[in-house]
Amino acid sequence: MIGTPQGSRLLAFSSEREAAIVAEAILRKLDPLALPAPFWVQCSDRALNQRLTDYLAEVQAEIMGSQAG
């Protein structure tokens, strides 16, 4: 789930790659002033959960960093 100014976006995918691609696309379409957007990753695989969480946090940091400079 990703929180956006327009409301929460609930995502469900069967693969890590699909989840990462779509979540990143949503984050990149947001106004940079809306970042960092709250998000929540839920899955039964703890390692996968951590990878996606870390990846989406890095994407947001990259977007915010590119807007600062």
Protein backbone atom coordinates (compact mmCIF):
# COMPACT_ATOMS: atom_id res chain seq x y z
CA MET A 1 0.00 0.00 0.00
CA ILE A 2 1.25 3.46 -0.89
CA GLY A 3 -0.25 6.61 0.56
CA THR A 4 -0.73 9.36 -2.00
CA PRO A 5 -2.39 12.78 -1.80
CA GLN A 6 -5.28 11.26 -3.78
CA GLY A 7 -5.68 8.37 -1.32
CA SER A 8 -4.15 4.99 -0.63
CA ARG A 9 -3.10 2.72 -3.50
CA LEU A 10 -3.43 -0.95 -2.62
CA LEU A 11 -1.22 -3.16 -4.77
CA ALA A 12 -1.14 -6.95 -5.01
CA PHE A 13 1.32 -8.91 -7.16
CA SER A 14 2.57 -12.45 -7.40
CA SER A 15 6.18 -11.45 -8.04
CA GLU A 16 8.69 -9.17 -6.37
CA ARG A 17 9.66 -7.67 -9.71
CA GLU A 18 6.09 -6.70 -10.63
CA ALA A 19 5.51 -5.15 -7.21
CA ALA A 20 8.73 -3.13 -7.42
CA ILE A 21 8.07 -1.89 -10.96
CA VAL A 22 4.53 -0.70 -10.28
CA ALA A 23 5.29 0.77 -6.86
CA GLU A 24 8.27 2.67 -8.27
CA ALA A 25 6.14 4.01 -11.14
CA ILE A 26 3.55 5.29 -8.67
CA LEU A 27 6.21 6.98 -6.55
CA ARG A 28 7.85 8.62 -9.57
CA LYS A 29 4.50 10.07 -10.71
CA LEU A 30 3.89 11.78 -7.37
CA ASP A 31 4.68 15.43 -6.88
CA PRO A 32 8.11 15.45 -5.18
CA LEU A 33 6.61 17.66 -2.46
CA ALA A 34 4.39 14.68 -1.49
CA LEU A 35 7.49 12.62 -0.68
CA PRO A 36 8.33 10.72 1.33
CA ALA A 37 5.04 8.93 0.80
CA PRO A 38 4.03 6.43 3.45
CA PHE A 39 4.07 2.84 2.25
CA TRP A 40 3.59 -0.59 3.73
CA VAL A 41 4.84 -3.90 2.34
CA GLN A 42 3.18 -7.07 3.54
CA CYS A 43 4.19 -10.58 2.52
CA SER A 44 4.99 -13.86 4.23
CA ASP A 45 8.67 -13.81 3.18
CA ARG A 46 10.54 -11.53 5.58
CA ALA A 47 13.57 -11.18 3.32
CA LEU A 48 11.39 -10.17 0.39
CA ASN A 49 9.51 -7.74 2.60
CA GLN A 50 12.79 -6.11 3.66
CA ARG A 51 14.15 -5.95 0.08
CA LEU A 52 11.01 -4.20 -1.20
CA THR A 53 10.89 -1.86 1.78
CA ASP A 54 14.54 -0.90 1.33
CA TYR A 55 14.17 -0.53 -2.43
CA LEU A 56 11.14 1.77 -2.20
CA ALA A 57 12.81 3.88 0.49
CA GLU A 58 15.86 4.24 -1.80
CA VAL A 59 13.65 5.23 -4.75
CA GLN A 60 12.04 7.96 -2.68
CA ALA A 61 15.41 9.18 -1.39
CA GLU A 62 16.71 9.30 -4.99
CA ILE A 63 13.70 11.31 -6.17
CA MET A 64 13.91 13.74 -3.26
CA GLY A 65 17.68 14.08 -3.72
CA SER A 66 17.35 14.86 -7.41
CA GLN A 67 14.80 17.58 -6.63
CA ALA A 68 17.04 19.19 -4.01
CA GLY A 69 19.91 19.81 -6.37
